[in-house]
Amino acid sequence: MNGQMMQQPLLISSLLMHAERHHGEQRVVSRRVEGDIHRLTYREVAVRGRRMANALSALGVHAGARVATLAWNGHRHLELYYAVSGSGAVLHTLNPRLHADQLCYIANHAEDQVLFFDLSFLSLVEAVASRVRTISRFVLMTDRAHMPAATTLPGLHSYEELLEEQDDGYNWPQFDENTASSLCYTSGTTGNPKGVLFSHRSTLLHTYAAALPDALNLSARDVAGCLILHVHATVARIRGSMEGRHGGEPS
């Protein structure tokens, strides 16, 4: 016998919808690779997240596809956390501190299709681009003014230009909460790095647990800086949207 309460899958997109609805004016502050301090609200994060979800679709990203990021803590990376996972694809955060050979192995093993990366990693990405077999799209996380005058990367896209080409008319899809949401690989282990695949359900349960008073005791009245990368950054970033707190993400 099943219960009669509402059926709501635990999806990462629901946290962004919650933040937009209940904490829309709360700010997210980050220092961009371009050098400036950037501020936007959760409402703006939600709008840009939906536009990026449309952009991913235009790039041919489908449900289950792996989308890699090689980026620091910033508002564009935050937007990708929601746009990629929320659309049903899998966000694969690459660890920039790994050796180039390991990055190539990881990207090939995961069969990443698109790579989003920050300006500070342009030379690294150019050096390994010919060795990553499945990545067909490269997106530099900046605007047109900061795009390189010349690059060896074929068809390099500008993040902001991709957003400008889309509107925010996007309905987050509903799917099984056990669907994969994000992918991380180990470092410092014996042999090649091993992949760890997170689900929407596991991520939200972790988020709920981390938000409890007896855990980190953070609320909408607090300001928290996100100084971490890779695995723990997933929950650290999306927990802020649930709590509605002021978020700081220095690079």
C-alpha atoms as a PDB file:
ATOM      1  CA  MET A   1       0.000   0.000   0.000  1.00  0.00           C
ATOM      2  CA  ASN A   2       1.423   3.375  -1.028  1.00  0.00           C
ATOM      3  CA  GLY A   3       0.991   6.575   0.907  1.00  0.00           C
ATOM      4  CA  GLN A   4      -1.155   9.421  -0.385  1.00  0.00           C
ATOM      5  CA  MET A   5       1.264  12.291   0.135  1.00  0.00           C
ATOM      6  CA  MET A   6       2.698  14.300  -2.749  1.00  0.00           C
ATOM      7  CA  GLN A   7       5.166  12.689  -5.110  1.00  0.00           C
ATOM      8  CA  GLN A   8       8.144  14.999  -5.617  1.00  0.00           C
ATOM      9  CA  PRO A   9      11.414  13.581  -6.926  1.00  0.00           C
ATOM     10  CA  LEU A  10      14.541  14.931  -5.248  1.00  0.00           C
ATOM     11  CA  LEU A  11      16.051  16.899  -8.136  1.00  0.00           C
ATOM     12  CA  ILE A  12      18.788  19.522  -8.065  1.00  0.00           C
ATOM     13  CA  SER A  13      16.696  21.876 -10.203  1.00  0.00           C
ATOM     14  CA  SER A  14      14.099  22.082  -7.413  1.00  0.00           C
ATOM     15  CA  LEU A  15      16.626  23.858  -5.185  1.00  0.00           C
ATOM     16  CA  LEU A  16      17.195  26.569  -7.769  1.00  0.00           C
ATOM     17  CA  MET A  17      13.452  26.994  -8.198  1.00  0.00           C
ATOM     18  CA  HIS A  18      13.143  27.316  -4.416  1.00  0.00           C
ATOM     19  CA  ALA A  19      15.905  29.939  -4.264  1.00  0.00           C
ATOM     20  CA  GLU A  20      14.355  31.976  -7.069  1.00  0.00           C
ATOM     21  CA  ARG A  21      10.923  31.867  -5.443  1.00  0.00           C
ATOM     22  CA  HIS A  22      11.846  32.496  -1.808  1.00  0.00           C
ATOM     23  CA  HIS A  23      15.296  34.122  -1.848  1.00  0.00           C
ATOM     24  CA  GLY A  24      15.349  35.810  -5.237  1.00  0.00           C
ATOM     25  CA  GLU A  25      17.060  39.003  -4.035  1.00  0.00           C
ATOM     26  CA  GLN A  26      19.798  37.283  -2.040  1.00  0.00           C
ATOM     27  CA  ARG A  27      23.220  37.879  -3.586  1.00  0.00           C
ATOM     28  CA  VAL A  28      25.958  35.607  -4.857  1.00  0.00           C
ATOM     29  CA  VAL A  29      29.362  37.295  -4.922  1.00  0.00           C
ATOM     30  CA  SER A  30      32.463  35.991  -6.678  1.00  0.00           C
ATOM     31  CA  ARG A  31      35.823  37.193  -7.946  1.00  0.00           C
ATOM     32  CA  ARG A  32      36.037  36.394 -11.625  1.00  0.00           C
ATOM     33  CA  VAL A  33      39.146  35.272 -13.450  1.00  0.00           C
ATOM     34  CA  GLU A  34      38.863  38.519 -15.419  1.00  0.00           C
ATOM     35  CA  GLY A  35      39.810  40.287 -12.166  1.00  0.00           C
ATOM     36  CA  ASP A  36      36.591  41.987 -11.076  1.00  0.00           C
ATOM     37  CA  ILE A  37      34.200  41.320  -8.206  1.00  0.00           C
ATOM     38  CA  HIS A  38      30.902  40.119  -9.642  1.00  0.00           C
ATOM     39  CA  ARG A  39      27.506  40.254  -7.935  1.00  0.00           C
ATOM     40  CA  LEU A  40      24.185  38.790  -8.965  1.00  0.00           C
ATOM     41  CA  THR A  41      21.066  37.508  -7.219  1.00  0.00           C
ATOM     42  CA  TYR A  42      19.656  33.998  -6.991  1.00  0.00           C
ATOM     43  CA  ARG A  43      16.894  35.162  -9.325  1.00  0.00           C
ATOM     44  CA  GLU A  44      19.519  36.087 -11.897  1.00  0.00           C
ATOM     45  CA  VAL A  45      21.318  32.779 -11.330  1.00  0.00           C
ATOM     46  CA  ALA A  46      18.026  31.001 -12.070  1.00  0.00           C
ATOM     47  CA  VAL A  47      17.422  32.993 -15.259  1.00  0.00           C
ATOM     48  CA  ARG A  48      20.966  32.422 -16.510  1.00  0.00           C
ATOM     49  CA  GLY A  49      20.745  28.757 -15.524  1.00  0.00           C
ATOM     50  CA  ARG A  50      17.669  28.261 -17.705  1.00  0.00           C
ATOM     51  CA  ARG A  51      19.313  30.066 -20.597  1.00  0.00           C
ATOM     52  CA  MET A  52      22.381  27.853 -20.263  1.00  0.00           C
ATOM     53  CA  ALA A  53      20.149  24.767 -20.219  1.00  0.00           C
ATOM     54  CA  ASN A  54      18.769  25.930 -23.576  1.00  0.00           C
ATOM     55  CA  ALA A  55      22.325  26.562 -24.796  1.00  0.00           C
ATOM     56  CA  LEU A  56      23.351  23.033 -23.821  1.00  0.00           C
ATOM     57  CA  SER A  57      20.467  21.666 -25.845  1.00  0.00           C
ATOM     58  CA  ALA A  58      21.570  23.780 -28.817  1.00  0.00           C
ATOM     59  CA  LEU A  59      25.069  22.286 -28.453  1.00  0.00           C
ATOM     60  CA  GLY A  60      23.585  18.808 -28.750  1.00  0.00           C
ATOM     61  CA  VAL A  61      23.885  17.825 -25.086  1.00  0.00           C
ATOM     62  CA  HIS A  62      21.308  15.151 -24.231  1.00  0.00           C
ATOM     63  CA  ALA A  63      20.199  13.433 -21.041  1.00  0.00           C
ATOM     64  CA  GLY A  64      23.035  11.395 -19.569  1.00  0.00           C
ATOM     65  CA  ALA A  65      25.756  13.156 -21.561  1.00  0.00           C
ATOM     66  CA  ARG A  66      28.841  14.141 -19.597  1.00  0.00           C
ATOM     67  CA  VAL A  67      29.688  17.842 -19.543  1.00  0.00           C
ATOM     68  CA  ALA A  68      33.120  18.641 -18.127  1.00  0.00           C
ATOM     69  CA  THR A  69      34.231  21.780 -16.327  1.00  0.00           C
ATOM     70  CA  LEU A  70      37.752  22.982 -15.624  1.00  0.00           C
ATOM     71  CA  ALA A  71      37.045  26.091 -13.613  1.00  0.00           C
ATOM     72  CA  TRP A  72      37.442  27.942 -10.341  1.00  0.00           C
ATOM     73  CA  ASN A  73      34.700  28.991  -7.931  1.00  0.00           C
ATOM     74  CA  GLY A  74      32.632  31.619  -9.727  1.00  0.00           C
ATOM     75  CA  HIS A  75      29.098  32.456 -10.713  1.00  0.00           C
ATOM     76  CA  ARG A  76      29.357  30.821 -14.149  1.00  0.00           C
ATOM     77  CA  HIS A  77      30.473  27.553 -12.584  1.00  0.00           C
ATOM     78  CA  LEU A  78      27.534  27.787 -10.174  1.00  0.00           C
ATOM     79  CA  GLU A  79      25.142  28.277 -13.095  1.00  0.00           C
ATOM     80  CA  LEU A  80      26.523  25.164 -14.766  1.00  0.00           C
ATOM     81  CA  TYR A  81      25.881  23.087 -11.641  1.00  0.00           C
ATOM     82  CA  TYR A  82      22.166  23.713 -12.142  1.00  0.00           C
ATOM     83  CA  ALA A  83      21.987  23.906 -15.944  1.00  0.00           C
ATOM     84  CA  VAL A  84      23.841  20.655 -16.601  1.00  0.00           C
ATOM     85  CA  SER A  85      22.412  18.446 -13.851  1.00  0.00           C
ATOM     86  CA  GLY A  86      18.997  20.085 -13.956  1.00  0.00           C
ATOM     87  CA  SER A  87      18.617  19.327 -17.663  1.00  0.00           C
ATOM     88  CA  GLY A  88      19.390  15.639 -17.083  1.00  0.00           C
ATOM     89  CA  ALA A  89      23.020  15.650 -18.180  1.00  0.00           C
ATOM     90  CA  VAL A  90      25.953  14.813 -15.885  1.00  0.00           C
ATOM     91  CA  LEU A  91      28.304  17.507 -14.595  1.00  0.00           C
ATOM     92  CA  HIS A  92      31.904  16.272 -14.552  1.00  0.00           C
ATOM     93  CA  THR A  93      34.164  18.565 -12.528  1.00  0.00           C
ATOM     94  CA  LEU A  94      37.793  18.108 -13.547  1.00  0.00           C
ATOM     95  CA  ASN A  95      40.438  18.749 -10.906  1.00  0.00           C
ATOM     96  CA  PRO A  96      42.831  21.423 -12.258  1.00  0.00           C
ATOM     97  CA  ARG A  97      45.571  20.308  -9.876  1.00  0.00           C
ATOM     98  CA  LEU A  98      45.987  16.937 -11.596  1.00  0.00           C
ATOM     99  CA  HIS A  99      48.703  16.223 -14.153  1.00  0.00           C
ATOM    100  CA  ALA A 100      47.720  16.762 -17.785  1.00  0.00           C
ATOM    101  CA  ASP A 101      48.064  13.025 -18.478  1.00  0.00           C
ATOM    102  CA  GLN A 102      45.539  12.238 -15.747  1.00  0.00           C
ATOM    103  CA  LEU A 103      43.135  14.909 -16.995  1.00  0.00           C
ATOM    104  CA  CYS A 104      43.232  13.335 -20.462  1.00  0.00           C
ATOM    105  CA  TYR A 105      42.657   9.862 -19.032  1.00  0.00           C
ATOM    106  CA  ILE A 106      39.708  11.073 -16.946  1.00  0.00           C
ATOM    107  CA  ALA A 107      38.051  12.991 -19.787  1.00  0.00           C
ATOM    108  CA  ASN A 108      38.410  10.016 -22.132  1.00  0.00           C
ATOM    109  CA  HIS A 109      37.226   7.492 -19.555  1.00  0.00           C
ATOM    110  CA  ALA A 110      34.153   9.622 -18.760  1.00  0.00           C
ATOM    111  CA  GLU A 111      33.533  10.208 -22.476  1.00  0.00           C
ATOM    112  CA  ASP A 112      32.977  13.921 -21.915  1.00  0.00           C
ATOM    113  CA  GLN A 113      31.296  15.668 -24.832  1.00  0.00           C
ATOM    114  CA  VAL A 114      31.680  19.353 -23.946  1.00  0.00           C
ATOM    115  CA  LEU A 115      34.339  21.157 -21.905  1.00  0.00           C
ATOM    116  CA  PHE A 116      33.665  24.476 -20.153  1.00  0.00           C
ATOM    117  CA  PHE A 117      36.824  26.121 -18.816  1.00  0.00           C
ATOM    118  CA  ASP A 118      38.140  29.333 -17.290  1.00  0.00           C
ATOM    119  CA  LEU A 119      40.566  31.713 -18.990  1.00  0.00           C
ATOM    120  CA  SER A 120      43.422  30.680 -16.711  1.00  0.00           C
ATOM    121  CA  PHE A 121      43.292  27.166 -18.209  1.00  0.00           C
ATOM    122  CA  LEU A 122      43.378  28.156 -21.885  1.00  0.00           C
ATOM    123  CA  SER A 123      46.969  27.049 -22.484  1.00  0.00           C
ATOM    124  CA  LEU A 124      46.375  23.752 -20.673  1.00  0.00           C
ATOM    125  CA  VAL A 125      43.244  22.994 -22.698  1.00  0.00           C
ATOM    126  CA  GLU A 126      45.007  23.878 -25.959  1.00  0.00           C
ATOM    127  CA  ALA A 127      47.820  21.495 -25.026  1.00  0.00           C
ATOM    128  CA  VAL A 128      45.550  18.502 -24.323  1.00  0.00           C
ATOM    129  CA  ALA A 129      42.745  19.117 -26.832  1.00  0.00           C
ATOM    130  CA  SER A 130      44.151  16.690 -29.402  1.00  0.00           C
ATOM    131  CA  ARG A 131      44.326  13.925 -26.766  1.00  0.00           C
ATOM    132  CA  VAL A 132      40.717  14.040 -25.548  1.00  0.00           C
ATOM    133  CA  ARG A 133      38.859  11.824 -27.970  1.00  0.00           C
ATOM    134  CA  THR A 134      35.188  12.542 -27.244  1.00  0.00           C
ATOM    135  CA  ILE A 135      35.118  16.283 -26.518  1.00  0.00           C
ATOM    136  CA  SER A 136      33.792  18.050 -29.594  1.00  0.00           C
ATOM    137  CA  ARG A 137      32.814  21.417 -28.076  1.00  0.00           C
ATOM    138  CA  PHE A 138      34.965  23.832 -26.105  1.00  0.00           C
ATOM    139  CA  VAL A 139      33.426  26.761 -24.221  1.00  0.00           C
ATOM    140  CA  LEU A 140      35.543  29.494 -22.656  1.00  0.00           C
ATOM    141  CA  MET A 141      33.778  30.849 -19.569  1.00  0.00           C
ATOM    142  CA  THR A 142      34.057  34.542 -20.392  1.00  0.00           C
ATOM    143  CA  ASP A 143      32.565  37.249 -22.616  1.00  0.00           C
ATOM    144  CA  ARG A 144      33.484  38.281 -26.134  1.00  0.00           C
ATOM    145  CA  ALA A 145      35.796  41.068 -24.926  1.00  0.00           C
ATOM    146  CA  HIS A 146      38.054  38.558 -23.164  1.00  0.00           C
ATOM    147  CA  MET A 147      38.130  35.899 -25.873  1.00  0.00           C
ATOM    148  CA  PRO A 148      41.651  35.187 -27.222  1.00  0.00           C
ATOM    149  CA  ALA A 149      42.628  36.790 -30.512  1.00  0.00           C
ATOM    150  CA  ALA A 150      43.962  33.419 -31.684  1.00  0.00           C
ATOM    151  CA  THR A 151      43.579  29.849 -30.453  1.00  0.00           C
ATOM    152  CA  THR A 152      44.226  26.327 -31.640  1.00  0.00           C
ATOM    153  CA  LEU A 153      40.871  25.137 -30.288  1.00  0.00           C
ATOM    154  CA  PRO A 154      38.383  24.476 -33.084  1.00  0.00           C
ATOM    155  CA  GLY A 155      35.158  26.474 -32.936  1.00  0.00           C
ATOM    156  CA  LEU A 156      35.797  27.906 -29.478  1.00  0.00           C
ATOM    157  CA  HIS A 157      32.587  29.303 -27.947  1.00  0.00           C
ATOM    158  CA  SER A 158      32.147  32.218 -25.562  1.00  0.00           C
ATOM    159  CA  TYR A 159      30.018  31.385 -22.504  1.00  0.00           C
ATOM    160  CA  GLU A 160      28.287  34.771 -22.468  1.00  0.00           C
ATOM    161  CA  GLU A 161      27.582  34.679 -26.189  1.00  0.00           C
ATOM    162  CA  LEU A 162      25.946  31.266 -25.799  1.00  0.00           C
ATOM    163  CA  LEU A 163      23.669  32.774 -23.145  1.00  0.00           C
ATOM    164  CA  GLU A 164      22.840  35.793 -25.301  1.00  0.00           C
ATOM    165  CA  GLU A 165      21.598  33.505 -28.065  1.00  0.00           C
ATOM    166  CA  GLN A 166      19.007  31.873 -25.770  1.00  0.00           C
ATOM    167  CA  ASP A 167      15.990  32.941 -23.748  1.00  0.00           C
ATOM    168  CA  ASP A 168      15.048  31.779 -20.266  1.00  0.00           C
ATOM    169  CA  GLY A 169      11.902  29.944 -21.344  1.00  0.00           C
ATOM    170  CA  TYR A 170      12.928  26.526 -20.081  1.00  0.00           C
ATOM    171  CA  ASN A 171      10.959  24.012 -18.032  1.00  0.00           C
ATOM    172  CA  TRP A 172      13.189  21.821 -15.889  1.00  0.00           C
ATOM    173  CA  PRO A 173      12.446  18.198 -16.809  1.00  0.00           C
ATOM    174  CA  GLN A 174      11.142  15.696 -14.263  1.00  0.00           C
ATOM    175  CA  PHE A 175      12.874  12.323 -14.084  1.00  0.00           C
ATOM    176  CA  ASP A 176      13.894   9.587 -11.674  1.00  0.00           C
ATOM    177  CA  GLU A 177      15.718  11.047  -8.668  1.00  0.00           C
ATOM    178  CA  ASN A 178      18.252   8.213  -8.880  1.00  0.00           C
ATOM    179  CA  THR A 179      19.456   9.606 -12.214  1.00  0.00           C
ATOM    180  CA  ALA A 180      23.162  10.504 -12.256  1.00  0.00           C
ATOM    181  CA  SER A 181      23.779  14.202 -11.618  1.00  0.00           C
ATOM    182  CA  SER A 182      27.524  14.660 -11.254  1.00  0.00           C
ATOM    183  CA  LEU A 183      30.791  12.828 -11.691  1.00  0.00           C
ATOM    184  CA  CYS A 184      34.088  13.196  -9.849  1.00  0.00           C
ATOM    185  CA  TYR A 185      37.327  11.241 -10.057  1.00  0.00           C
ATOM    186  CA  THR A 186      39.694  10.347  -7.250  1.00  0.00           C
ATOM    187  CA  SER A 187      43.215  11.668  -6.932  1.00  0.00           C
ATOM    188  CA  GLY A 188      46.246  10.273  -5.139  1.00  0.00           C
ATOM    189  CA  THR A 189      45.034   6.683  -5.480  1.00  0.00           C
ATOM    190  CA  THR A 190      46.844   3.611  -6.761  1.00  0.00           C
ATOM    191  CA  GLY A 191      46.696   3.389 -10.537  1.00  0.00           C
ATOM    192  CA  ASN A 192      44.473   5.616 -12.634  1.00  0.00           C
ATOM    193  CA  PRO A 193      41.820   7.826 -11.009  1.00  0.00           C
ATOM    194  CA  LYS A 194      38.443   6.171 -10.321  1.00  0.00           C
ATOM    195  CA  GLY A 195      35.102   7.754 -11.108  1.00  0.00           C
ATOM    196  CA  VAL A 196      32.433   8.376  -8.467  1.00  0.00           C
ATOM    197  CA  LEU A 197      28.943   8.968  -9.842  1.00  0.00           C
ATOM    198  CA  PHE A 198      26.472  10.934  -7.717  1.00  0.00           C
ATOM    199  CA  SER A 199      22.690  10.927  -8.118  1.00  0.00           C
ATOM    200  CA  HIS A 200      20.188  13.740  -7.659  1.00  0.00           C
ATOM    201  CA  ARG A 201      18.793  11.897  -4.646  1.00  0.00           C
ATOM    202  CA  SER A 202      22.164  11.424  -2.940  1.00  0.00           C
ATOM    203  CA  THR A 203      23.109  15.059  -3.543  1.00  0.00           C
ATOM    204  CA  LEU A 204      19.880  16.456  -2.123  1.00  0.00           C
ATOM    205  CA  LEU A 205      19.946  14.180   0.910  1.00  0.00           C
ATOM    206  CA  HIS A 206      23.527  15.314   1.549  1.00  0.00           C
ATOM    207  CA  THR A 207      22.387  18.909   1.115  1.00  0.00           C
ATOM    208  CA  TYR A 208      19.514  18.521   3.567  1.00  0.00           C
ATOM    209  CA  ALA A 209      21.799  16.878   6.130  1.00  0.00           C
ATOM    210  CA  ALA A 210      24.452  19.595   5.797  1.00  0.00           C
ATOM    211  CA  ALA A 211      21.793  22.280   6.371  1.00  0.00           C
ATOM    212  CA  LEU A 212      20.662  20.890   9.727  1.00  0.00           C
ATOM    213  CA  PRO A 213      21.384  23.048  12.814  1.00  0.00           C
ATOM    214  CA  ASP A 214      23.556  20.330  14.333  1.00  0.00           C
ATOM    215  CA  ALA A 215      25.677  20.146  11.179  1.00  0.00           C
ATOM    216  CA  LEU A 216      26.978  23.498   9.881  1.00  0.00           C
ATOM    217  CA  ASN A 217      24.134  25.603  11.353  1.00  0.00           C
ATOM    218  CA  LEU A 218      23.890  28.017   8.407  1.00  0.00           C
ATOM    219  CA  SER A 219      20.760  29.939   7.440  1.00  0.00           C
ATOM    220  CA  ALA A 220      19.569  32.777   5.217  1.00  0.00           C
ATOM    221  CA  ARG A 221      21.079  35.210   7.755  1.00  0.00           C
ATOM    222  CA  ASP A 222      24.633  33.970   7.153  1.00  0.00           C
ATOM    223  CA  VAL A 223      27.337  34.667   4.593  1.00  0.00           C
ATOM    224  CA  ALA A 224      29.439  31.664   3.603  1.00  0.00           C
ATOM    225  CA  GLY A 225      32.472  31.530   1.353  1.00  0.00           C
ATOM    226  CA  CYS A 226      32.920  28.552  -0.966  1.00  0.00           C
ATOM    227  CA  LEU A 227      36.660  27.895  -1.015  1.00  0.00           C
ATOM    228  CA  ILE A 228      36.589  24.259  -2.098  1.00  0.00           C
ATOM    229  CA  LEU A 229      36.676  22.473  -5.412  1.00  0.00           C
ATOM    230  CA  HIS A 230      35.618  19.178  -6.856  1.00  0.00           C
ATOM    231  CA  VAL A 231      33.539  16.762  -4.734  1.00  0.00           C
ATOM    232  CA  HIS A 232      32.450  18.796  -1.725  1.00  0.00           C
ATOM    233  CA  ALA A 233      31.838  21.925  -3.787  1.00  0.00           C
ATOM    234  CA  THR A 234      28.720  20.334  -5.261  1.00  0.00           C
ATOM    235  CA  VAL A 235      26.849  20.300  -1.969  1.00  0.00           C
ATOM    236  CA  ALA A 236      28.489  23.474  -0.663  1.00  0.00           C
ATOM    237  CA  ARG A 237      27.197  25.446  -3.646  1.00  0.00           C
ATOM    238  CA  ILE A 238      23.692  24.078  -3.956  1.00  0.00           C
ATOM    239  CA  ARG A 239      23.089  24.112  -0.193  1.00  0.00           C
ATOM    240  CA  GLY A 240      23.221  27.907  -0.345  1.00  0.00           C
ATOM    241  CA  SER A 241      20.228  27.990  -2.671  1.00  0.00           C
ATOM    242  CA  MET A 242      18.192  25.884  -0.249  1.00  0.00           C
ATOM    243  CA  GLU A 243      19.111  27.995   2.769  1.00  0.00           C
ATOM    244  CA  GLY A 244      18.831  31.235   0.824  1.00  0.00           C
ATOM    245  CA  ARG A 245      22.029  32.562   2.353  1.00  0.00           C
ATOM    246  CA  HIS A 246      24.356  35.169   0.963  1.00  0.00           C
ATOM    247  CA  GLY A 247      26.997  33.281  -1.009  1.00  0.00           C
ATOM    248  CA  GLY A 248      30.615  34.256  -1.569  1.00  0.00           C
ATOM    249  CA  GLU A 249      32.685  32.274  -4.102  1.00  0.00           C
ATOM    250  CA  PRO A 250      36.223  33.668  -4.335  1.00  0.00           C
ATOM    251  CA  SER A 251      38.412  32.015  -6.937  1.00  0.00           C
END
